N, C-alpha and C. Protein backbone atom coordinates (compact mmCIF):
# COMPACT_ATOMS: atom_id res chain seq x y z
N UNK A 1 1.34 -1.15 -0.11
CA UNK A 1 0.15 -0.03 -0.64
C UNK A 1 1.10 1.81 0.91
N UNK A 2 0.32 2.21 -0.62
CA UNK A 2 1.14 3.72 -1.02
C UNK A 2 1.51 4.32 1.06
N UNK A 3 2.39 5.43 0.43
CA UNK A 3 2.12 5.99 2.12
C UNK A 3 1.47 6.33 1.80
N UNK A 4 1.28 7.83 3.16
CA UNK A 4 0.60 8.62 2.82
C UNK A 4 0.96 10.41 2.50
N UNK A 5 1.57 10.07 1.72
CA UNK A 5 1.89 11.32 1.16
C UNK A 5 2.13 10.92 -0.16
N UNK A 6 2.32 9.92 -0.80
CA UNK A 6 2.60 9.28 -1.84
C UNK A 6 0.78 9.40 -2.73
N UNK A 7 -0.25 8.74 -1.48
CA UNK A 7 -0.96 9.28 -1.86
C UNK A 7 -1.91 10.37 -2.48
N UNK A 8 -1.36 11.26 -1.56
CA UNK A 8 -2.34 12.39 -1.97
C UNK A 8 -1.23 13.09 -2.44
N UNK A 9 0.15 12.76 -3.00
CA UNK A 9 0.57 12.54 -4.40
C UNK A 9 0.09 13.04 -5.19
N UNK A 10 -0.91 11.76 -5.38
CA UNK A 10 -1.28 10.96 -6.51
C UNK A 10 -2.88 11.42 -6.96
N UNK A 11 -3.43 11.13 -5.95
CA UNK A 11 -5.13 13.12 -4.96
C UNK A 11 -4.83 13.81 -5.60
N UNK A 12 -3.80 14.79 -5.90
CA UNK A 12 -3.69 15.85 -6.03
C UNK A 12 -4.29 15.94 -7.93
N UNK A 13 -5.19 17.17 -7.63
CA UNK A 13 -5.11 17.15 -9.86
C UNK A 13 -3.84 18.14 -10.26
N UNK A 14 -2.95 18.29 -9.21
CA UNK A 14 -1.37 18.84 -9.77
C UNK A 14 -0.61 17.72 -11.15
N UNK A 15 -0.80 16.65 -9.46
CA UNK A 15 0.03 15.78 -9.61
C UNK A 15 -0.67 14.35 -10.17
N UNK A 16 -1.73 14.10 -10.13
CA UNK A 16 -2.27 12.53 -10.99
C UNK A 16 -1.73 11.99 -12.67
N UNK A 17 -1.38 11.52 -12.39
CA UNK A 17 -1.03 10.54 -13.66
C UNK A 17 -2.46 10.39 -14.63
N UNK A 18 -2.23 10.28 -15.44
CA UNK A 18 -2.98 9.96 -16.33
C UNK A 18 -3.00 8.66 -16.85
N UNK A 19 -3.88 7.95 -18.05
CA UNK A 19 -4.64 6.82 -17.42
C UNK A 19 -2.84 6.46 -18.86
N UNK A 20 -2.80 7.14 -19.93
CA UNK A 20 -1.35 6.51 -20.72
C UNK A 20 -0.19 6.41 -19.49
N UNK A 21 0.15 7.67 -18.47
CA UNK A 21 1.34 7.42 -18.22
C UNK A 21 1.44 6.83 -17.00
N UNK A 22 0.02 5.83 -16.63
CA UNK A 22 0.02 4.47 -15.71
C UNK A 22 0.48 3.51 -16.11
N UNK A 23 -0.39 3.69 -17.41
CA UNK A 23 -0.06 2.49 -18.95
C UNK A 23 1.33 2.03 -19.11
N UNK A 24 1.95 3.32 -19.10
CA UNK A 24 3.25 3.82 -18.99
C UNK A 24 4.28 3.09 -18.76
N UNK A 25 4.35 3.37 -17.19
CA UNK A 25 4.84 3.01 -15.99
C UNK A 25 4.44 1.67 -16.22
N UNK A 26 3.27 0.73 -16.05
CA UNK A 26 3.03 -0.86 -15.78
C UNK A 26 3.89 -1.36 -16.89
N UNK A 27 4.38 -0.92 -18.20
CA UNK A 27 5.31 -1.43 -19.15
C UNK A 27 6.19 -1.31 -18.64
N UNK A 28 6.86 -0.03 -18.08
CA UNK A 28 8.45 0.29 -17.93
C UNK A 28 8.72 -1.38 -16.75
N UNK A 29 7.88 -1.57 -15.96
CA UNK A 29 7.89 -2.65 -14.85
C UNK A 29 7.57 -3.40 -15.37
N UNK A 30 7.28 -3.91 -16.14
CA UNK A 30 6.97 -5.80 -16.37
C UNK A 30 7.60 -4.91 -18.12
N UNK A 31 8.83 -4.47 -18.49
CA UNK A 31 9.64 -4.96 -19.51
C UNK A 31 10.12 -6.15 -19.90
N UNK A 32 9.66 -6.63 -21.39
CA UNK A 32 9.18 -7.75 -21.64
C UNK A 32 8.76 -8.18 -22.13
N UNK A 33 6.87 -8.30 -21.33
CA UNK A 33 6.66 -8.85 -21.10
C UNK A 33 4.84 -8.33 -20.94
N UNK A 34 5.48 -6.45 -21.09
CA UNK A 34 4.02 -6.09 -21.26
C UNK A 34 4.43 -5.31 -22.77
N UNK A 35 2.99 -5.12 -23.69
CA UNK A 35 3.29 -3.97 -24.57
C UNK A 35 1.76 -3.34 -25.50
N UNK A 36 2.12 -2.41 -25.95
CA UNK A 36 1.41 -1.32 -25.70
C UNK A 36 2.06 0.59 -24.97
N UNK A 37 1.08 1.66 -24.59
CA UNK A 37 -0.50 1.25 -24.86
C UNK A 37 -0.98 1.39 -26.60
N UNK A 38 -1.75 0.43 -26.74
CA UNK A 38 -2.44 1.28 -27.38
C UNK A 38 -3.96 1.89 -27.10
N UNK A 39 -3.89 3.05 -27.66
CA UNK A 39 -5.44 3.60 -27.48
C UNK A 39 -6.53 3.38 -28.76
N UNK A 40 -7.48 2.69 -28.66
CA UNK A 40 -8.78 3.16 -28.99
C UNK A 40 -9.57 3.24 -28.97
N UNK A 41 -10.65 4.90 -29.66
CA UNK A 41 -11.12 5.97 -29.01
C UNK A 41 -11.91 5.85 -28.25
N UNK A 42 -10.15 6.89 -27.08
CA UNK A 42 -10.25 6.91 -25.61
C UNK A 42 -9.80 6.26 -24.62
N UNK A 43 -9.67 4.46 -25.28
CA UNK A 43 -9.94 4.01 -23.95
C UNK A 43 -8.49 3.22 -24.35
N UNK A 44 -7.51 3.09 -23.52
CA UNK A 44 -5.90 1.99 -23.43
C UNK A 44 -6.11 0.93 -23.63
N UNK A 45 -5.12 -0.16 -23.99
CA UNK A 45 -5.22 -1.60 -23.78
C UNK A 45 -3.63 -1.62 -23.89
N UNK A 46 -3.27 -2.66 -22.29
CA UNK A 46 -1.82 -3.47 -22.40
C UNK A 46 -2.18 -4.43 -22.93
N UNK A 47 -0.89 -5.10 -23.65
CA UNK A 47 -0.81 -6.66 -24.14
C UNK A 47 -0.12 -6.88 -23.19
N UNK A 48 -0.19 -8.17 -22.76
CA UNK A 48 0.58 -9.31 -21.50
C UNK A 48 0.80 -10.08 -22.09
N UNK A 49 2.41 -10.37 -22.52
CA UNK A 49 2.06 -11.75 -23.51
C UNK A 49 2.95 -13.52 -22.04
N UNK A 50 3.12 -12.84 -21.25
CA UNK A 50 3.15 -13.95 -20.29
C UNK A 50 2.12 -14.24 -20.05
N UNK A 51 1.04 -15.12 -20.21
CA UNK A 51 0.05 -14.70 -19.20
C UNK A 51 0.20 -15.93 -17.69
N UNK A 52 1.28 -16.01 -17.83
CA UNK A 52 0.76 -16.90 -16.23
C UNK A 52 1.13 -15.82 -15.24
N UNK A 53 1.75 -14.72 -16.12
CA UNK A 53 2.12 -14.12 -14.96
C UNK A 53 1.23 -12.33 -15.31
N UNK A 54 -0.30 -12.78 -15.31
CA UNK A 54 -1.21 -11.29 -15.80
C UNK A 54 -1.33 -11.49 -14.25
N UNK A 55 -2.09 -11.88 -12.73
CA UNK A 55 -1.71 -11.85 -11.33
C UNK A 55 -0.38 -10.73 -10.68
N UNK A 56 1.10 -11.68 -11.65
CA UNK A 56 2.26 -10.17 -11.44
C UNK A 56 1.50 -9.21 -11.54
N UNK A 57 1.30 -8.65 -13.01
CA UNK A 57 0.93 -7.53 -13.46
C UNK A 57 -0.40 -6.42 -12.71
N UNK A 58 -1.69 -7.24 -12.22
CA UNK A 58 -2.78 -6.98 -12.10
C UNK A 58 -2.10 -7.15 -10.16
N UNK A 59 -1.51 -7.50 -9.72
CA UNK A 59 -1.65 -7.32 -8.47
C UNK A 59 -0.55 -5.59 -8.28
N UNK A 60 0.69 -5.77 -9.23
CA UNK A 60 1.09 -4.10 -9.35
C UNK A 60 0.23 -3.63 -9.79
N UNK A 61 -0.40 -3.26 -10.52
CA UNK A 61 -0.98 -2.48 -10.73
C UNK A 61 -2.86 -1.80 -10.00
N UNK A 62 -3.29 -2.53 -8.65
CA UNK A 62 -4.01 -1.82 -7.33
C UNK A 62 -2.39 -1.71 -6.71
N UNK A 63 -1.79 -2.79 -6.07
CA UNK A 63 -1.04 -2.05 -5.11
C UNK A 63 0.04 -0.81 -5.53
N UNK A 64 0.40 -0.81 -6.50
CA UNK A 64 1.61 0.41 -6.74
C UNK A 64 0.92 1.61 -7.27
N UNK A 65 -0.56 0.98 -8.13
CA UNK A 65 -0.84 2.40 -9.22
C UNK A 65 -2.48 2.70 -9.06
N UNK A 66 -2.93 2.21 -7.51
CA UNK A 66 -4.42 2.35 -7.04
C UNK A 66 -5.91 1.89 -8.38
N UNK A 67 -4.96 0.72 -8.67
CA UNK A 67 -6.38 0.09 -9.65
C UNK A 67 -7.51 -0.38 -8.75
N UNK A 68 -7.81 0.52 -7.91
CA UNK A 68 -8.26 -0.69 -6.85
C UNK A 68 -9.94 -1.65 -7.13
N UNK A 69 -10.38 -1.32 -8.59
CA UNK A 69 -11.63 -2.03 -8.81
C UNK A 69 -11.74 -2.49 -10.20
N UNK A 70 -11.98 -3.98 -10.10
CA UNK A 70 -11.67 -5.06 -10.74
C UNK A 70 -13.72 -4.62 -12.40
N UNK A 71 -13.43 -3.86 -13.34
CA UNK A 71 -14.81 -3.37 -13.64
C UNK A 71 -14.81 -4.91 -14.05
N UNK A 72 -14.98 -5.78 -14.62
CA UNK A 72 -14.97 -6.58 -15.37
C UNK A 72 -14.14 -7.69 -16.47
N UNK A 73 -14.46 -8.48 -16.33
CA UNK A 73 -13.47 -9.38 -17.01
C UNK A 73 -13.83 -11.59 -17.82
N UNK A 74 -12.92 -10.58 -18.71
CA UNK A 74 -14.60 -11.06 -20.26
C UNK A 74 -13.28 -12.31 -20.61
N UNK A 75 -13.41 -13.47 -22.23
CA UNK A 75 -12.66 -14.05 -22.52
C UNK A 75 -13.20 -13.79 -23.48
N UNK A 76 -12.35 -13.98 -24.60
CA UNK A 76 -12.98 -14.62 -26.39
C UNK A 76 -12.73 -15.29 -26.85
N UNK A 77 -13.35 -15.93 -27.53
CA UNK A 77 -13.04 -17.03 -27.84
C UNK A 77 -13.05 -17.03 -29.22
N UNK A 78 -11.60 -17.29 -30.25
CA UNK A 78 -10.97 -16.62 -31.39
C UNK A 78 -10.59 -17.96 -31.94
N UNK A 79 -12.75 -18.77 -31.74
CA UNK A 79 -11.90 -20.26 -32.01
C UNK A 79 -11.42 -20.26 -33.53
N UNK A 80 -10.79 -21.49 -34.33
CA UNK A 80 -10.25 -21.95 -35.47
C UNK A 80 -8.91 -20.75 -35.21
N UNK A 81 -8.76 -19.67 -34.61
CA UNK A 81 -7.42 -19.23 -34.34
C UNK A 81 -6.40 -19.93 -33.10
N UNK A 82 -5.16 -19.43 -33.60
CA UNK A 82 -4.33 -19.79 -32.42
C UNK A 82 -3.37 -18.15 -32.13
N UNK A 83 -3.27 -18.17 -30.56
CA UNK A 83 -4.14 -18.48 -29.66
C UNK A 83 -6.29 -18.85 -29.15
N UNK A 84 -6.15 -19.38 -29.15
CA UNK A 84 -7.93 -19.67 -28.77
C UNK A 84 -7.78 -18.14 -27.58
N UNK A 85 -7.29 -18.38 -27.02
CA UNK A 85 -8.43 -17.45 -25.84
C UNK A 85 -7.93 -16.18 -25.29
N UNK A 86 -8.91 -14.82 -25.12
CA UNK A 86 -8.21 -13.68 -25.39
C UNK A 86 -8.88 -13.06 -23.76
N UNK A 87 -7.95 -12.81 -22.59
CA UNK A 87 -8.67 -12.53 -21.64
C UNK A 87 -8.15 -11.30 -21.09
N UNK A 88 -10.15 -10.29 -21.56
CA UNK A 88 -9.42 -9.20 -21.38
C UNK A 88 -9.82 -8.58 -19.56
N UNK A 89 -8.94 -7.87 -18.79
CA UNK A 89 -9.11 -7.01 -17.91
C UNK A 89 -9.63 -5.80 -17.53
N UNK A 90 -10.69 -5.27 -17.61
CA UNK A 90 -11.33 -4.48 -16.98
C UNK A 90 -10.92 -3.34 -16.71
N UNK A 91 -9.76 -2.88 -15.24
CA UNK A 91 -9.63 -1.93 -14.31
C UNK A 91 -10.18 -0.67 -14.62
N UNK A 92 -9.90 -0.05 -13.09
CA UNK A 92 -10.17 1.07 -12.91
C UNK A 92 -9.68 1.96 -11.36
N UNK A 93 -9.17 2.80 -11.14
CA UNK A 93 -8.73 3.55 -10.12
C UNK A 93 -9.98 4.90 -9.68
N UNK A 94 -10.41 4.70 -8.48
CA UNK A 94 -11.10 5.42 -8.22
C UNK A 94 -10.48 6.65 -7.35
N UNK A 95 -9.38 6.77 -7.32
CA UNK A 95 -8.26 7.76 -6.33
C UNK A 95 -8.37 8.56 -7.78
N UNK A 96 -7.61 8.03 -8.93
CA UNK A 96 -7.22 9.11 -10.18
C UNK A 96 -8.08 8.72 -11.22
N UNK A 97 -10.08 7.96 -10.70
CA UNK A 97 -10.65 8.47 -12.47
C UNK A 97 -10.62 7.85 -13.50
N UNK A 98 -9.12 6.84 -13.91
CA UNK A 98 -8.60 6.27 -15.34
C UNK A 98 -9.41 4.73 -15.22
N UNK A 99 -9.36 4.56 -16.48
CA UNK A 99 -9.38 2.90 -17.21
C UNK A 99 -8.27 2.65 -17.53
N UNK A 100 -8.11 1.59 -17.37
CA UNK A 100 -7.20 0.84 -17.88
C UNK A 100 -7.78 -1.19 -18.47
N UNK A 101 -6.98 -1.35 -19.96
CA UNK A 101 -8.16 -2.60 -20.67
C UNK A 101 -5.92 -3.61 -20.83
N UNK A 102 -5.31 -4.52 -19.28
CA UNK A 102 -5.12 -5.67 -20.04
C UNK A 102 -5.37 -7.36 -20.91
N UNK A 103 -5.07 -7.68 -22.02
CA UNK A 103 -5.06 -8.54 -22.42
C UNK A 103 -3.93 -9.20 -22.12
N UNK A 104 -4.43 -10.55 -22.11
CA UNK A 104 -3.73 -12.00 -22.57
C UNK A 104 -3.83 -13.01 -23.02
N UNK A 105 -3.35 -13.32 -23.74
CA UNK A 105 -3.65 -14.63 -24.75
C UNK A 105 -2.83 -15.66 -24.09
N UNK A 106 -3.90 -17.12 -23.87
CA UNK A 106 -4.00 -18.07 -24.03
C UNK A 106 -4.25 -19.27 -24.98
N UNK A 107 -3.63 -20.89 -25.46
CA UNK A 107 -4.16 -21.76 -25.92
C UNK A 107 -5.14 -22.68 -26.06
N UNK A 108 -5.76 -23.53 -26.53
CA UNK A 108 -6.95 -23.98 -26.42
C UNK A 108 -6.16 -24.98 -25.44
N UNK A 109 -5.33 -25.70 -25.53
CA UNK A 109 -4.48 -26.85 -25.16
C UNK A 109 -4.11 -26.30 -24.03
N UNK A 110 -4.02 -25.08 -23.51
CA UNK A 110 -3.65 -24.41 -21.32
C UNK A 110 -5.11 -24.30 -20.75
N UNK A 111 -5.82 -22.85 -21.64
CA UNK A 111 -6.95 -23.04 -21.28
C UNK A 111 -6.85 -22.47 -19.50
N UNK A 112 -5.72 -21.64 -18.91
CA UNK A 112 -5.69 -21.70 -18.27
C UNK A 112 -5.12 -20.48 -17.73
N UNK A 113 -5.90 -19.65 -16.43
CA UNK A 113 -4.33 -18.37 -16.09
C UNK A 113 -4.75 -18.22 -14.47
N UNK A 114 -3.71 -17.42 -13.30
CA UNK A 114 -3.98 -17.27 -12.17
C UNK A 114 -4.68 -17.06 -12.10
N UNK A 115 -5.03 -16.88 -10.75
CA UNK A 115 -6.96 -15.86 -10.34
C UNK A 115 -6.12 -14.79 -9.47
N UNK A 116 -7.39 -13.89 -9.84
CA UNK A 116 -7.59 -12.60 -9.29
C UNK A 116 -8.04 -12.48 -9.24
N UNK A 117 -8.53 -12.61 -7.97
CA UNK A 117 -9.80 -12.90 -6.87
C UNK A 117 -9.02 -12.39 -5.43
N UNK A 118 -7.90 -12.91 -5.62
CA UNK A 118 -7.59 -12.26 -3.94
C UNK A 118 -6.78 -10.98 -4.52
N UNK A 119 -6.57 -10.01 -5.55
CA UNK A 119 -6.91 -9.17 -5.69
C UNK A 119 -7.42 -8.48 -5.87
N UNK A 120 -8.57 -8.42 -6.10
CA UNK A 120 -10.53 -7.54 -7.03
C UNK A 120 -11.12 -9.02 -6.38
N UNK A 121 -12.56 -8.70 -5.12
CA UNK A 121 -13.26 -9.52 -5.06
C UNK A 121 -13.86 -9.76 -5.39
N UNK A 122 -14.30 -8.35 -6.93
CA UNK A 122 -15.11 -8.58 -7.90
C UNK A 122 -14.46 -9.98 -9.01
N UNK A 123 -13.72 -10.18 -8.70
CA UNK A 123 -12.92 -10.95 -9.90
C UNK A 123 -13.32 -12.36 -9.56
N UNK A 124 -13.44 -13.02 -7.59
CA UNK A 124 -14.61 -14.29 -7.57
C UNK A 124 -15.81 -14.46 -8.59
N UNK A 125 -16.39 -13.74 -8.86
CA UNK A 125 -18.25 -13.80 -9.95
C UNK A 125 -17.57 -13.51 -11.00
N UNK A 126 -16.43 -12.89 -11.98
CA UNK A 126 -16.27 -12.91 -13.67
C UNK A 126 -15.44 -13.88 -13.38
N UNK A 127 -14.92 -14.24 -12.57
CA UNK A 127 -14.16 -16.07 -13.12
C UNK A 127 -14.84 -17.03 -13.42
N UNK A 128 -15.75 -17.21 -12.69
CA UNK A 128 -17.02 -18.18 -12.43
C UNK A 128 -17.94 -18.07 -13.24
N UNK A 129 -17.57 -17.33 -14.02
CA UNK A 129 -19.39 -16.89 -14.85
C UNK A 129 -18.33 -17.05 -16.00
N UNK A 130 -17.15 -16.54 -16.33
CA UNK A 130 -15.94 -17.34 -17.93
C UNK A 130 -15.87 -18.14 -18.01
N UNK A 131 -15.58 -19.19 -16.33
CA UNK A 131 -15.90 -20.51 -16.51
C UNK A 131 -16.95 -21.02 -16.93
N UNK A 132 -18.48 -20.54 -15.62
CA UNK A 132 -19.50 -21.33 -16.33
C UNK A 132 -19.24 -21.33 -18.25
N UNK A 133 -19.24 -20.55 -18.75
CA UNK A 133 -19.56 -19.54 -20.15
C UNK A 133 -18.76 -20.69 -21.19
N UNK A 134 -17.28 -20.74 -20.82
CA UNK A 134 -16.48 -20.79 -21.83
C UNK A 134 -15.30 -21.86 -21.28
N UNK A 135 -15.88 -23.04 -20.01
CA UNK A 135 -15.10 -23.51 -19.59
C UNK A 135 -13.71 -23.60 -19.85
N UNK A 136 -13.11 -21.60 -19.60
CA UNK A 136 -12.15 -21.27 -18.53
C UNK A 136 -11.44 -21.52 -17.65
N UNK A 137 -10.18 -22.17 -17.28
CA UNK A 137 -9.82 -22.42 -15.79
C UNK A 137 -9.20 -21.56 -15.79
N UNK A 138 -9.14 -21.09 -14.22
CA UNK A 138 -8.87 -19.95 -13.11
C UNK A 138 -8.14 -20.87 -11.97
N UNK A 139 -7.04 -20.53 -12.16
CA UNK A 139 -6.14 -21.99 -10.79
C UNK A 139 -5.87 -21.17 -9.73
N UNK A 140 -6.31 -22.24 -8.65
CA UNK A 140 -6.21 -20.94 -7.31
C UNK A 140 -7.83 -20.36 -6.98
N UNK A 141 -8.42 -20.59 -7.86
CA UNK A 141 -9.29 -19.81 -7.75
C UNK A 141 -9.97 -20.39 -6.18
N UNK A 142 -10.69 -19.54 -5.92
CA UNK A 142 -11.51 -20.18 -3.59
C UNK A 142 -12.76 -20.52 -4.31
N UNK A 143 -13.48 -20.76 -4.76
CA UNK A 143 -14.98 -21.32 -4.77
C UNK A 143 -15.30 -21.28 -6.53
N UNK A 144 -14.40 -22.50 -7.58
CA UNK A 144 -14.54 -23.15 -8.48
C UNK A 144 -15.89 -23.31 -9.13
N UNK A 145 -17.52 -23.04 -8.58
CA UNK A 145 -17.77 -23.85 -9.62
C UNK A 145 -19.22 -23.46 -10.26
N UNK A 146 -19.93 -23.68 -10.74
CA UNK A 146 -20.56 -23.07 -12.53
C UNK A 146 -21.36 -21.91 -11.68
N UNK A 147 -21.50 -21.16 -12.26
CA UNK A 147 -22.33 -19.92 -11.58
C UNK A 147 -24.30 -20.21 -12.23
N UNK A 148 -24.35 -19.81 -13.22
CA UNK A 148 -25.17 -20.23 -14.18
C UNK A 148 -25.48 -21.20 -14.65
N UNK A 149 -25.31 -22.27 -15.60
CA UNK A 149 -25.61 -23.16 -15.45
C UNK A 149 -25.64 -24.60 -14.20
N UNK A 150 -26.97 -25.58 -14.32
CA UNK A 150 -26.85 -26.30 -13.43
C UNK A 150 -25.67 -27.32 -13.33
N UNK A 151 -26.15 -28.08 -12.86
CA UNK A 151 -24.97 -28.82 -12.02
C UNK A 151 -24.32 -29.93 -13.14
N UNK A 152 -25.35 -30.38 -13.21
CA UNK A 152 -25.65 -31.16 -14.47
C UNK A 152 -25.56 -31.01 -15.71
N UNK A 153 -25.77 -29.82 -16.26
CA UNK A 153 -25.17 -29.83 -17.71
C UNK A 153 -24.25 -29.63 -18.73
N UNK A 154 -23.53 -30.12 -19.57
CA UNK A 154 -22.83 -30.43 -20.23
C UNK A 154 -22.11 -29.48 -20.95
N UNK A 155 -21.02 -29.28 -21.33
CA UNK A 155 -20.55 -27.80 -22.71
C UNK A 155 -20.70 -26.42 -21.56
N UNK A 156 -20.47 -25.42 -22.62
CA UNK A 156 -20.00 -24.07 -22.07
C UNK A 156 -20.55 -23.37 -23.34
N UNK A 157 -22.07 -22.31 -23.43
CA UNK A 157 -22.76 -22.17 -23.94
C UNK A 157 -21.84 -21.18 -24.68
N UNK A 158 -21.30 -20.62 -24.44
CA UNK A 158 -20.93 -19.02 -24.89
C UNK A 158 -19.69 -18.90 -25.98
N UNK A 159 -18.53 -20.74 -26.58
CA UNK A 159 -18.37 -21.33 -27.18
C UNK A 159 -18.50 -21.04 -27.85
N UNK A 160 -17.63 -20.93 -29.57
CA UNK A 160 -17.80 -20.92 -30.57
C UNK A 160 -19.12 -22.04 -31.34
N UNK A 161 -17.70 -23.16 -30.64
CA UNK A 161 -18.15 -24.86 -31.27
C UNK A 161 -19.20 -25.45 -30.66
N UNK A 162 -19.95 -24.30 -29.84
CA UNK A 162 -20.73 -24.54 -29.09
C UNK A 162 -22.09 -24.86 -29.93
N UNK A 163 -23.60 -26.32 -29.78
CA UNK A 163 -24.13 -26.12 -30.47
C UNK A 163 -25.20 -24.64 -30.51
N UNK A 164 -25.53 -24.05 -31.35
CA UNK A 164 -26.51 -23.69 -31.26
C UNK A 164 -27.74 -23.81 -30.16
N UNK A 165 -28.25 -24.50 -31.07
CA UNK A 165 -29.44 -25.59 -30.30
C UNK A 165 -29.28 -25.82 -29.43
N UNK A 166 -27.91 -26.44 -28.99
CA UNK A 166 -27.57 -26.40 -27.10
C UNK A 166 -27.44 -28.38 -28.00
N UNK A 167 -27.09 -28.56 -26.76
CA UNK A 167 -27.10 -30.68 -26.70
C UNK A 167 -28.66 -31.34 -26.00
N UNK A 168 -29.36 -32.51 -27.33
CA UNK A 168 -29.77 -33.06 -26.94
C UNK A 168 -29.78 -33.36 -25.16
N UNK A 169 -31.41 -32.85 -24.59
CA UNK A 169 -31.54 -33.34 -23.84
C UNK A 169 -32.74 -34.12 -22.86
N UNK A 170 -32.86 -33.70 -20.95
CA UNK A 170 -34.18 -34.29 -20.91
C UNK A 170 -35.01 -33.01 -20.95
N UNK A 171 -34.42 -31.37 -20.69
CA UNK A 171 -34.95 -30.14 -20.91
C UNK A 171 -34.51 -29.78 -22.24
N UNK A 172 -34.18 -30.38 -22.84
CA UNK A 172 -34.07 -29.58 -23.99
C UNK A 172 -33.99 -30.81 -25.52
N UNK A 173 -35.47 -30.80 -25.99
CA UNK A 173 -35.39 -32.17 -27.20
C UNK A 173 -35.13 -31.84 -27.88
N UNK A 174 -34.74 -30.62 -28.78
CA UNK A 174 -34.47 -29.82 -29.50
C UNK A 174 -33.38 -29.52 -29.81
N UNK A 175 -32.71 -30.23 -28.96
CA UNK A 175 -30.97 -29.90 -28.98
C UNK A 175 -30.21 -30.90 -30.39
N UNK A 176 -28.88 -30.29 -30.71
CA UNK A 176 -27.85 -31.76 -31.32
C UNK A 176 -27.97 -32.74 -31.02
N UNK A 177 -28.12 -33.71 -31.61
CA UNK A 177 -27.03 -34.82 -30.49
C UNK A 177 -25.14 -34.91 -30.10
N UNK A 178 -25.41 -35.88 -29.10
CA UNK A 178 -23.97 -35.08 -29.06
C UNK A 178 -23.12 -36.53 -30.01
N UNK A 179 -21.92 -36.00 -30.43
CA UNK A 179 -21.68 -36.98 -31.41
C UNK A 179 -20.26 -37.33 -30.75
């Protein structure tokens, strides 16, 4: 946690860092694994090339830069492309009013990232949702179980290779037969 003078300096409108400055500081701290920032429509994105270190990058962003809120965490299914998955973390700092997006890619064979639920409590829900919809695993999650679909549900409905009508079962007589 930053010291009180550091916190006051960060909060001061005269010395408050911009999102671009915070992004460049994060890039400097993690040379070689963080690229960007890329700006699109006023939003900044940093790419983390080593997916296994995403939690370390997130911890630094929260503890040292004041990104104290994980707004959203989602996964993009790049079906039939390599790598298959892109995990996207939208973070925000209430002290400096800055948004930042962190992206990292993971192959279908791995389909796993370290959890950030110990960094941001909101990640608990977001990671469970991502697992339930895509089958993407977050290693070390404290309560890793389905959140939307029932326990007997087979498959992950947001994956691009999931049948549009779902699979045929007792609840869905119109779905596709399992192959």
